Amino acid sequence: MEKITVGMTIKLIKEIGENIPVGSTATIVYIDDFDQIFIDWSNGGQGRFTEEQLLKNFEVAA
């Protein structure tokens, strides 16, 4: 994955156990000072991930 930035659209590529289907997309909306990455899922809802989790479970959406 390229550099993680606010506004980037990402796609889930691995099961994360939160009832979010693989292939779901989200937009990165905020990155805090502790490298917590906050996202808005395209089908509604929000999530929070560490940079490590994001790099392991998501890819940049085409």
PDB file of N, CA and C in Angstrom:
ATOM      1  N   MET A   1       0.857  -1.172   0.000  1.00  0.00           N
ATOM      2  CA  MET A   1       0.000   0.000   0.000  1.00  0.00           C
ATOM      3  C   MET A   1       0.904   1.236   0.000  1.00  0.00           C
ATOM      4  N   GLU A   2       0.472   2.223  -0.707  1.00  0.00           N
ATOM      5  CA  GLU A   2       1.206   3.490  -0.715  1.00  0.00           C
ATOM      6  C   GLU A   2       1.031   4.196   0.627  1.00  0.00           C
ATOM      7  N   LYS A   3       1.572   5.381   0.751  1.00  0.00           N
ATOM      8  CA  LYS A   3       1.449   6.157   1.983  1.00  0.00           C
ATOM      9  C   LYS A   3      -0.023   6.335   2.350  1.00  0.00           C
ATOM     10  N   ILE A   4      -0.333   6.121   3.601  1.00  0.00           N
ATOM     11  CA  ILE A   4      -1.708   6.230   4.094  1.00  0.00           C
ATOM     12  C   ILE A   4      -2.032   7.701   4.299  1.00  0.00           C
ATOM     13  N   THR A   5      -3.111   8.169   3.660  1.00  0.00           N
ATOM     14  CA  THR A   5      -3.503   9.568   3.779  1.00  0.00           C
ATOM     15  C   THR A   5      -5.011   9.697   3.960  1.00  0.00           C
ATOM     16  N   VAL A   6      -5.422  10.783   4.587  1.00  0.00           N
ATOM     17  CA  VAL A   6      -6.840  11.092   4.751  1.00  0.00           C
ATOM     18  C   VAL A   6      -7.450  11.280   3.364  1.00  0.00           C
ATOM     19  N   GLY A   7      -8.641  10.728   3.177  1.00  0.00           N
ATOM     20  CA  GLY A   7      -9.339  10.821   1.898  1.00  0.00           C
ATOM     21  C   GLY A   7      -9.138   9.604   1.019  1.00  0.00           C
ATOM     22  N   MET A   8      -8.185   8.753   1.367  1.00  0.00           N
ATOM     23  CA  MET A   8      -7.899   7.553   0.581  1.00  0.00           C
ATOM     24  C   MET A   8      -9.044   6.549   0.731  1.00  0.00           C
ATOM     25  N   THR A   9      -9.430   5.917  -0.371  1.00  0.00           N
ATOM     26  CA  THR A   9     -10.430   4.856  -0.335  1.00  0.00           C
ATOM     27  C   THR A   9      -9.698   3.518  -0.281  1.00  0.00           C
ATOM     28  N   ILE A  10     -10.096   2.684   0.677  1.00  0.00           N
ATOM     29  CA  ILE A  10      -9.457   1.392   0.882  1.00  0.00           C
ATOM     30  C   ILE A  10     -10.489   0.276   0.794  1.00  0.00           C
ATOM     31  N   LYS A  11     -10.000  -0.945   0.509  1.00  0.00           N
ATOM     32  CA  LYS A  11     -10.889  -2.105   0.382  1.00  0.00           C
ATOM     33  C   LYS A  11     -10.401  -3.201   1.316  1.00  0.00           C
ATOM     34  N   LEU A  12     -11.323  -3.808   2.054  1.00  0.00           N
ATOM     35  CA  LEU A  12     -11.016  -4.891   2.975  1.00  0.00           C
ATOM     36  C   LEU A  12     -10.669  -6.146   2.177  1.00  0.00           C
ATOM     37  N   ILE A  13      -9.514  -6.750   2.476  1.00  0.00           N
ATOM     38  CA  ILE A  13      -9.091  -7.944   1.741  1.00  0.00           C
ATOM     39  C   ILE A  13      -9.023  -9.192   2.614  1.00  0.00           C
ATOM     40  N   LYS A  14      -9.207  -9.040   3.935  1.00  0.00           N
ATOM     41  CA  LYS A  14      -9.186 -10.176   4.860  1.00  0.00           C
ATOM     42  C   LYS A  14     -10.322 -10.040   5.854  1.00  0.00           C
ATOM     43  N   GLU A  15     -10.809 -11.178   6.332  1.00  0.00           N
ATOM     44  CA  GLU A  15     -11.858 -11.201   7.353  1.00  0.00           C
ATOM     45  C   GLU A  15     -11.324 -10.579   8.637  1.00  0.00           C
ATOM     46  N   ILE A  16     -12.073  -9.639   9.215  1.00  0.00           N
ATOM     47  CA  ILE A  16     -11.637  -8.987  10.452  1.00  0.00           C
ATOM     48  C   ILE A  16     -12.566  -9.275  11.624  1.00  0.00           C
ATOM     49  N   GLY A  17     -13.590 -10.074  11.398  1.00  0.00           N
ATOM     50  CA  GLY A  17     -14.458 -10.502  12.478  1.00  0.00           C
ATOM     51  C   GLY A  17     -15.392  -9.445  13.034  1.00  0.00           C
ATOM     52  N   GLU A  18     -15.725  -8.447  12.279  1.00  0.00           N
ATOM     53  CA  GLU A  18     -16.647  -7.400  12.750  1.00  0.00           C
ATOM     54  C   GLU A  18     -17.912  -7.362  11.905  1.00  0.00           C
ATOM     55  N   ASN A  19     -18.297  -8.469  11.305  1.00  0.00           N
ATOM     56  CA  ASN A  19     -19.468  -8.551  10.441  1.00  0.00           C
ATOM     57  C   ASN A  19     -19.381  -7.607   9.250  1.00  0.00           C
ATOM     58  N   ILE A  20     -18.161  -7.317   8.815  1.00  0.00           N
ATOM     59  CA  ILE A  20     -17.918  -6.507   7.626  1.00  0.00           C
ATOM     60  C   ILE A  20     -17.425  -7.459   6.543  1.00  0.00           C
ATOM     61  N   PRO A  21     -18.139  -7.583   5.420  1.00  0.00           N
ATOM     62  CA  PRO A  21     -17.728  -8.543   4.385  1.00  0.00           C
ATOM     63  C   PRO A  21     -16.437  -8.117   3.680  1.00  0.00           C
ATOM     64  N   VAL A  22     -15.627  -9.128   3.365  1.00  0.00           N
ATOM     65  CA  VAL A  22     -14.435  -8.894   2.561  1.00  0.00           C
ATOM     66  C   VAL A  22     -14.875  -8.230   1.252  1.00  0.00           C
ATOM     67  N   GLY A  23     -14.150  -7.234   0.804  1.00  0.00           N
ATOM     68  CA  GLY A  23     -14.505  -6.476  -0.395  1.00  0.00           C
ATOM     69  C   GLY A  23     -15.178  -5.152  -0.083  1.00  0.00           C
ATOM     70  N   SER A  24     -15.552  -4.951   1.187  1.00  0.00           N
ATOM     71  CA  SER A  24     -16.163  -3.679   1.578  1.00  0.00           C
ATOM     72  C   SER A  24     -15.147  -2.554   1.438  1.00  0.00           C
ATOM     73  N   THR A  25     -15.641  -1.364   1.124  1.00  0.00           N
ATOM     74  CA  THR A  25     -14.753  -0.214   0.982  1.00  0.00           C
ATOM     75  C   THR A  25     -15.028   0.816   2.066  1.00  0.00           C
ATOM     76  N   ALA A  26     -14.011   1.639   2.299  1.00  0.00           N
ATOM     77  CA  ALA A  26     -14.113   2.684   3.313  1.00  0.00           C
ATOM     78  C   ALA A  26     -13.211   3.838   2.901  1.00  0.00           C
ATOM     79  N   THR A  27     -13.457   4.979   3.519  1.00  0.00           N
ATOM     80  CA  THR A  27     -12.629   6.165   3.299  1.00  0.00           C
ATOM     81  C   THR A  27     -11.943   6.527   4.608  1.00  0.00           C
ATOM     82  N   ILE A  28     -10.658   6.804   4.535  1.00  0.00           N
ATOM     83  CA  ILE A  28      -9.922   7.239   5.711  1.00  0.00           C
ATOM     84  C   ILE A  28     -10.311   8.685   5.993  1.00  0.00           C
ATOM     85  N   VAL A  29     -10.791   8.943   7.221  1.00  0.00           N
ATOM     86  CA  VAL A  29     -11.270  10.277   7.556  1.00  0.00           C
ATOM     87  C   VAL A  29     -10.380  11.018   8.548  1.00  0.00           C
ATOM     88  N   TYR A  30      -9.562  10.281   9.294  1.00  0.00           N
ATOM     89  CA  TYR A  30      -8.741  10.955  10.300  1.00  0.00           C
ATOM     90  C   TYR A  30      -7.614  10.026  10.739  1.00  0.00           C
ATOM     91  N   ILE A  31      -6.444  10.591  10.998  1.00  0.00           N
ATOM     92  CA  ILE A  31      -5.319   9.859  11.578  1.00  0.00           C
ATOM     93  C   ILE A  31      -4.857  10.677  12.778  1.00  0.00           C
ATOM     94  N   ASP A  32      -4.915  10.067  13.972  1.00  0.00           N
ATOM     95  CA  ASP A  32      -4.569  10.841  15.169  1.00  0.00           C
ATOM     96  C   ASP A  32      -3.070  10.795  15.456  1.00  0.00           C
ATOM     97  N   ASP A  33      -2.666  11.454  16.521  1.00  0.00           N
ATOM     98  CA  ASP A  33      -1.251  11.547  16.887  1.00  0.00           C
ATOM     99  C   ASP A  33      -0.664  10.214  17.358  1.00  0.00           C
ATOM    100  N   PHE A  34      -1.519   9.238  17.623  1.00  0.00           N
ATOM    101  CA  PHE A  34      -1.072   7.923  18.074  1.00  0.00           C
ATOM    102  C   PHE A  34      -1.165   6.888  16.959  1.00  0.00           C
ATOM    103  N   ASP A  35      -1.260   7.360  15.722  1.00  0.00           N
ATOM    104  CA  ASP A  35      -1.352   6.519  14.521  1.00  0.00           C
ATOM    105  C   ASP A  35      -2.577   5.616  14.512  1.00  0.00           C
ATOM    106  N   GLN A  36      -3.649   6.049  15.161  1.00  0.00           N
ATOM    107  CA  GLN A  36      -4.933   5.374  15.031  1.00  0.00           C
ATOM    108  C   GLN A  36      -5.598   5.951  13.790  1.00  0.00           C
ATOM    109  N   ILE A  37      -6.105   5.076  12.930  1.00  0.00           N
ATOM    110  CA  ILE A  37      -6.688   5.490  11.658  1.00  0.00           C
ATOM    111  C   ILE A  37      -8.197   5.265  11.736  1.00  0.00           C
ATOM    112  N   PHE A  38      -8.937   6.327  11.522  1.00  0.00           N
ATOM    113  CA  PHE A  38     -10.397   6.280  11.608  1.00  0.00           C
ATOM    114  C   PHE A  38     -10.971   6.266  10.197  1.00  0.00           C
ATOM    115  N   ILE A  39     -11.945   5.377   9.981  1.00  0.00           N
ATOM    116  CA  ILE A  39     -12.535   5.222   8.646  1.00  0.00           C
ATOM    117  C   ILE A  39     -14.050   5.308   8.706  1.00  0.00           C
ATOM    118  N   ASP A  40     -14.640   5.683   7.584  1.00  0.00           N
ATOM    119  CA  ASP A  40     -16.091   5.605   7.388  1.00  0.00           C
ATOM    120  C   ASP A  40     -16.338   4.532   6.348  1.00  0.00           C
ATOM    121  N   TRP A  41     -17.076   3.491   6.718  1.00  0.00           N
ATOM    122  CA  TRP A  41     -17.434   2.439   5.769  1.00  0.00           C
ATOM    123  C   TRP A  41     -18.414   2.998   4.745  1.00  0.00           C
ATOM    124  N   SER A  42     -18.332   2.554   3.514  1.00  0.00           N
ATOM    125  CA  SER A  42     -19.208   3.055   2.449  1.00  0.00           C
ATOM    126  C   SER A  42     -20.670   2.679   2.676  1.00  0.00           C
ATOM    127  N   ASN A  43     -20.920   1.604   3.414  1.00  0.00           N
ATOM    128  CA  ASN A  43     -22.304   1.187   3.672  1.00  0.00           C
ATOM    129  C   ASN A  43     -22.812   1.712   5.017  1.00  0.00           C
ATOM    130  N   GLY A  44     -22.077   2.647   5.611  1.00  0.00           N
ATOM    131  CA  GLY A  44     -22.460   3.215   6.902  1.00  0.00           C
ATOM    132  C   GLY A  44     -21.607   2.638   8.016  1.00  0.00           C
ATOM    133  N   GLY A  45     -21.476   3.378   9.062  1.00  0.00           N
ATOM    134  CA  GLY A  45     -20.679   2.932  10.195  1.00  0.00           C
ATOM    135  C   GLY A  45     -19.255   3.462  10.126  1.00  0.00           C
ATOM    136  N   GLN A  46     -18.585   3.298  11.248  1.00  0.00           N
ATOM    137  CA  GLN A  46     -17.225   3.781  11.358  1.00  0.00           C
ATOM    138  C   GLN A  46     -16.354   2.697  11.951  1.00  0.00           C
ATOM    139  N   GLY A  47     -15.049   2.865  11.769  1.00  0.00           N
ATOM    140  CA  GLY A  47     -14.096   1.925  12.332  1.00  0.00           C
ATOM    141  C   GLY A  47     -12.814   2.627  12.703  1.00  0.00           C
ATOM    142  N   ARG A  48     -11.996   1.935  13.489  1.00  0.00           N
ATOM    143  CA  ARG A  48     -10.704   2.471  13.912  1.00  0.00           C
ATOM    144  C   ARG A  48      -9.692   1.337  13.867  1.00  0.00           C
ATOM    145  N   PHE A  49      -8.554   1.599  13.272  1.00  0.00           N
ATOM    146  CA  PHE A  49      -7.517   0.592  13.115  1.00  0.00           C
ATOM    147  C   PHE A  49      -6.152   1.203  13.361  1.00  0.00           C
ATOM    148  N   THR A  50      -5.207   0.357  13.758  1.00  0.00           N
ATOM    149  CA  THR A  50      -3.825   0.803  13.815  1.00  0.00           C
ATOM    150  C   THR A  50      -3.263   0.757  12.398  1.00  0.00           C
ATOM    151  N   GLU A  51      -2.144   1.406  12.196  1.00  0.00           N
ATOM    152  CA  GLU A  51      -1.508   1.371  10.879  1.00  0.00           C
ATOM    153  C   GLU A  51      -1.155  -0.057  10.495  1.00  0.00           C
ATOM    154  N   GLU A  52      -0.668  -0.844  11.449  1.00  0.00           N
ATOM    155  CA  GLU A  52      -0.314  -2.247  11.184  1.00  0.00           C
ATOM    156  C   GLU A  52      -1.539  -3.045  10.726  1.00  0.00           C
ATOM    157  N   GLN A  53      -2.669  -2.879  11.412  1.00  0.00           N
ATOM    158  CA  GLN A  53      -3.894  -3.575  11.030  1.00  0.00           C
ATOM    159  C   GLN A  53      -4.340  -3.155   9.637  1.00  0.00           C
ATOM    160  N   LEU A  54      -4.255  -1.862   9.353  1.00  0.00           N
ATOM    161  CA  LEU A  54      -4.679  -1.363   8.061  1.00  0.00           C
ATOM    162  C   LEU A  54      -3.819  -1.964   6.943  1.00  0.00           C
ATOM    163  N   LEU A  55      -2.524  -1.974   7.125  1.00  0.00           N
ATOM    164  CA  LEU A  55      -1.620  -2.496   6.094  1.00  0.00           C
ATOM    165  C   LEU A  55      -1.818  -4.003   5.879  1.00  0.00           C
ATOM    166  N   LYS A  56      -2.191  -4.724   6.934  1.00  0.00           N
ATOM    167  CA  LYS A  56      -2.368  -6.169   6.848  1.00  0.00           C
ATOM    168  C   LYS A  56      -3.723  -6.579   6.247  1.00  0.00           C
ATOM    169  N   ASN A  57      -4.749  -5.769   6.438  1.00  0.00           N
ATOM    170  CA  ASN A  57      -6.108  -6.181   6.101  1.00  0.00           C
ATOM    171  C   ASN A  57      -6.773  -5.408   4.956  1.00  0.00           C
ATOM    172  N   PHE A  58      -6.122  -4.370   4.467  1.00  0.00           N
ATOM    173  CA  PHE A  58      -6.727  -3.536   3.435  1.00  0.00           C
ATOM    174  C   PHE A  58      -5.767  -3.310   2.260  1.00  0.00           C
ATOM    175  N   GLU A  59      -6.356  -2.918   1.122  1.00  0.00           N
ATOM    176  CA  GLU A  59      -5.576  -2.460  -0.012  1.00  0.00           C
ATOM    177  C   GLU A  59      -6.249  -1.201  -0.549  1.00  0.00           C
ATOM    178  N   VAL A  60      -5.502  -0.446  -1.337  1.00  0.00           N
ATOM    179  CA  VAL A  60      -6.071   0.748  -1.948  1.00  0.00           C
ATOM    180  C   VAL A  60      -7.130   0.295  -2.947  1.00  0.00           C
ATOM    181  N   ALA A  61      -8.321   0.862  -2.858  1.00  0.00           N
ATOM    182  CA  ALA A  61      -9.411   0.502  -3.782  1.00  0.00           C
ATOM    183  C   ALA A  61      -9.140   1.118  -5.153  1.00  0.00           C
ATOM    184  N   ALA A  62      -9.447   0.341  -6.174  1.00  0.00           N
ATOM    185  CA  ALA A  62      -9.231   0.834  -7.550  1.00  0.00           C
ATOM    186  C   ALA A  62     -10.334   1.762  -7.993  1.00  0.00           C
TER     187      ALA A  62
END
